[in-house]
Amino acid sequence: MSGQKINPTVDSTQPIQSHSRRGLLNGLWLALSGLALAEIAWLVGSFLKPLQSTDSSVQPADIIDAGPAERFVPNSVTAFPPGRFYLACLEDGGFLALSRRCTHLGCTVPWSPEKMQFVCPCHASVFDIRGEVVQSPAPRPLDRFAVYIENNRVKVNIGKPIRRSAFGEAEATYK
């Protein structure tokens, strides 16, 4: 062993550091940046993805059985609080299910049997029995829900409100 020199300053019992602190922090920043970019991409993708339509698959919970058709008197309105709608039986016997939400700012609109109108307590919008605007600031008629009669029972699909611009005779459902 005459040709080898031993360096007394190097301790062979300690492991050699292969990564510096700067390298560790750079790797951490890269990992966090990649995670943030992946999250942003997921958010943008979720925003751009079209909503799934529920029109083709009506859930049983979305159907409310309002009762037998003969139970409703023409020119009357019956509230259905669990379904958040009013069932209007028009003068000619047609049925119309109207949303309880004002089209101005979404306040709950009560029915006034004395006035035969829906009067919004928030901003004084007034609607007639067909949900049409009698007095603004409401910009359009009350939304409606699909009504159908099955085995002489009135049923309302509350799954999706139908936005409308005016009342049309085809909106009412008849026995």
Protein backbone atom coordinates (compact mmCIF):
# COMPACT_ATOMS: atom_id res chain seq x y z
CA MET A 1 0.00 0.00 0.00
CA SER A 2 2.87 2.25 -0.51
CA GLY A 3 1.44 3.98 -3.61
CA GLN A 4 -1.96 4.99 -2.20
CA LYS A 5 -2.59 8.18 -0.32
CA ILE A 6 -5.39 8.37 2.20
CA ASN A 7 -7.23 11.66 2.45
CA PRO A 8 -7.90 12.32 6.12
CA THR A 9 -10.63 14.98 5.48
CA VAL A 10 -13.12 12.67 3.72
CA ASP A 11 -15.19 10.54 6.09
CA SER A 12 -16.16 7.37 4.29
CA THR A 13 -18.87 6.54 6.86
CA GLN A 14 -21.17 9.47 5.81
CA PRO A 15 -23.32 9.10 2.66
CA ILE A 16 -22.59 11.44 -0.19
CA GLN A 17 -25.45 13.95 -0.85
CA SER A 18 -26.59 13.50 -4.43
CA HIS A 19 -29.30 16.20 -4.34
CA SER A 20 -28.81 19.68 -3.15
CA ARG A 21 -31.46 21.67 -1.34
CA ARG A 22 -31.98 23.83 -4.44
CA GLY A 23 -32.66 20.76 -6.56
CA LEU A 24 -35.22 19.51 -4.03
CA LEU A 25 -37.06 22.87 -4.00
CA ASN A 26 -37.02 23.05 -7.81
CA GLY A 27 -38.54 19.57 -8.00
CA LEU A 28 -41.20 20.51 -5.45
CA TRP A 29 -42.13 23.66 -7.39
CA LEU A 30 -42.36 21.65 -10.63
CA ALA A 31 -44.64 19.09 -9.00
CA LEU A 32 -46.93 21.75 -7.50
CA SER A 33 -47.05 23.68 -10.79
CA GLY A 34 -48.00 20.51 -12.65
CA LEU A 35 -50.75 19.81 -10.11
CA ALA A 36 -52.10 23.38 -10.47
CA LEU A 37 -52.11 23.12 -14.28
CA ALA A 38 -53.95 19.80 -14.11
CA GLU A 39 -56.57 21.34 -11.81
CA ILE A 40 -57.05 24.34 -14.12
CA ALA A 41 -57.41 22.00 -17.11
CA TRP A 42 -60.03 19.97 -15.21
CA LEU A 43 -61.99 23.14 -14.31
CA VAL A 44 -61.93 24.43 -17.90
CA GLY A 45 -62.98 21.01 -19.17
CA SER A 46 -65.85 20.84 -16.68
CA PHE A 47 -67.02 24.30 -17.71
CA LEU A 48 -66.95 23.50 -21.43
CA LYS A 49 -68.56 20.04 -21.13
CA PRO A 50 -72.27 20.23 -22.06
CA LEU A 51 -74.80 19.47 -19.34
CA GLN A 52 -76.58 16.15 -19.55
CA SER A 53 -80.19 16.50 -20.61
CA THR A 54 -82.82 14.99 -18.33
CA ASP A 55 -85.61 15.28 -20.89
CA SER A 56 -85.35 11.67 -22.05
CA SER A 57 -85.21 10.16 -18.58
CA VAL A 58 -87.97 11.40 -16.29
CA GLN A 59 -87.34 10.43 -12.71
CA PRO A 60 -90.37 9.15 -10.74
CA ALA A 61 -89.64 11.75 -8.05
CA ASP A 62 -90.15 14.49 -10.67
CA ILE A 63 -93.81 13.50 -11.24
CA ILE A 64 -96.42 14.81 -8.82
CA ASP A 65 -99.90 13.31 -8.86
CA ALA A 66 -102.17 16.30 -8.24
CA GLY A 67 -105.31 14.18 -7.96
CA PRO A 68 -108.45 13.46 -9.98
CA ALA A 69 -109.27 16.00 -12.68
CA GLU A 70 -112.84 16.51 -11.43
CA ARG A 71 -111.49 17.69 -8.06
CA PHE A 72 -110.46 21.03 -9.56
CA VAL A 73 -113.06 23.77 -10.05
CA PRO A 74 -112.74 25.86 -13.23
CA ASN A 75 -111.16 29.29 -12.73
CA SER A 76 -109.33 28.21 -9.54
CA VAL A 77 -105.73 27.86 -8.39
CA THR A 78 -104.41 25.15 -6.04
CA ALA A 79 -101.00 25.42 -4.38
CA PHE A 80 -98.67 22.41 -4.24
CA PRO A 81 -95.90 23.50 -1.83
CA PRO A 82 -93.84 20.26 -2.04
CA GLY A 83 -93.64 20.66 -5.83
CA ARG A 84 -93.23 24.43 -5.65
CA PHE A 85 -95.97 25.08 -8.19
CA TYR A 86 -99.58 26.16 -8.55
CA LEU A 87 -102.08 24.16 -10.57
CA ALA A 88 -104.45 26.53 -12.32
CA CYS A 89 -107.72 25.15 -13.63
CA LEU A 90 -108.68 27.66 -16.32
CA GLU A 91 -112.24 28.79 -17.13
CA ASP A 92 -112.46 26.40 -20.08
CA GLY A 93 -111.32 23.43 -17.92
CA GLY A 94 -107.70 23.41 -19.10
CA PHE A 95 -104.87 22.81 -16.62
CA LEU A 96 -101.70 24.86 -16.32
CA ALA A 97 -98.94 24.22 -13.75
CA LEU A 98 -97.16 27.48 -12.91
CA SER A 99 -93.92 28.00 -11.05
CA ARG A 100 -94.09 29.87 -7.75
CA ARG A 101 -90.96 31.88 -8.62
CA CYS A 102 -91.34 35.43 -9.92
CA THR A 103 -89.50 35.95 -13.21
CA HIS A 104 -88.16 39.28 -11.97
CA LEU A 105 -85.89 38.23 -9.09
CA GLY A 106 -87.13 34.79 -8.03
CA CYS A 107 -89.32 35.70 -5.05
CA THR A 108 -92.13 33.30 -4.12
CA VAL A 109 -95.34 34.64 -5.62
CA PRO A 110 -98.53 33.93 -3.63
CA TRP A 111 -101.98 33.53 -5.22
CA SER A 112 -104.59 36.10 -4.14
CA PRO A 113 -108.07 34.50 -4.58
CA GLU A 114 -109.78 37.84 -3.88
CA LYS A 115 -107.95 39.60 -6.72
CA MET A 116 -107.67 36.43 -8.85
CA GLN A 117 -103.99 37.27 -9.39
CA PHE A 118 -100.50 36.28 -8.35
CA VAL A 119 -98.95 39.28 -6.56
CA CYS A 120 -95.22 39.36 -5.89
CA PRO A 121 -94.50 40.75 -2.41
CA CYS A 122 -90.95 41.82 -3.31
CA HIS A 123 -91.36 44.26 -6.20
CA ALA A 124 -95.13 44.28 -6.90
CA SER A 125 -95.16 42.28 -10.12
CA VAL A 126 -98.66 40.97 -10.86
CA PHE A 127 -99.61 37.91 -12.93
CA ASP A 128 -103.03 36.63 -14.05
CA ILE A 129 -104.33 33.07 -13.63
CA ARG A 130 -102.45 32.01 -16.80
CA GLY A 131 -99.20 33.40 -15.39
CA GLU A 132 -99.03 36.34 -17.81
CA VAL A 133 -97.61 39.65 -16.62
CA VAL A 134 -100.33 42.17 -15.71
CA GLN A 135 -97.99 44.63 -13.98
CA SER A 136 -94.20 44.81 -14.31
CA PRO A 137 -91.26 44.81 -13.38
CA ALA A 138 -91.43 41.08 -14.23
CA PRO A 139 -90.02 40.73 -17.76
CA ARG A 140 -91.99 37.64 -18.81
CA PRO A 141 -94.76 35.25 -17.69
CA LEU A 142 -94.30 32.71 -14.90
CA ASP A 143 -92.50 29.56 -15.95
CA ARG A 144 -94.67 26.49 -16.32
CA PHE A 145 -94.33 22.74 -15.88
CA ALA A 146 -95.56 20.00 -18.19
CA VAL A 147 -99.03 18.72 -17.25
CA TYR A 148 -100.64 15.52 -18.49
CA ILE A 149 -103.73 13.57 -17.59
CA GLU A 150 -103.43 9.83 -17.10
CA ASN A 151 -106.45 7.70 -16.03
CA ASN A 152 -108.35 10.93 -15.27
CA ARG A 153 -105.62 12.01 -12.82
CA VAL A 154 -103.71 15.26 -13.28
CA LYS A 155 -99.93 14.76 -13.17
CA VAL A 156 -97.22 17.40 -13.24
CA ASN A 157 -93.60 16.90 -14.26
CA ILE A 158 -91.60 19.27 -12.02
CA GLY A 159 -88.24 18.04 -13.34
CA LYS A 160 -87.60 21.03 -15.56
CA PRO A 161 -89.48 24.35 -15.70
CA ILE A 162 -90.49 25.55 -19.15
CA ARG A 163 -89.51 29.14 -19.85
CA ARG A 164 -92.05 31.02 -21.94
CA SER A 165 -92.59 34.43 -23.47
CA ALA A 166 -96.41 34.48 -23.65
CA PHE A 167 -99.40 32.26 -22.98
CA GLY A 168 -100.46 30.04 -25.86
CA GLU A 169 -103.61 27.92 -25.96
CA ALA A 170 -101.45 24.85 -26.61
CA GLU A 171 -99.86 25.23 -23.17
CA ALA A 172 -103.04 24.20 -21.35
CA THR A 173 -103.80 20.49 -20.93
CA TYR A 174 -107.40 19.27 -21.27
CA LYS A 175 -109.18 16.10 -20.17
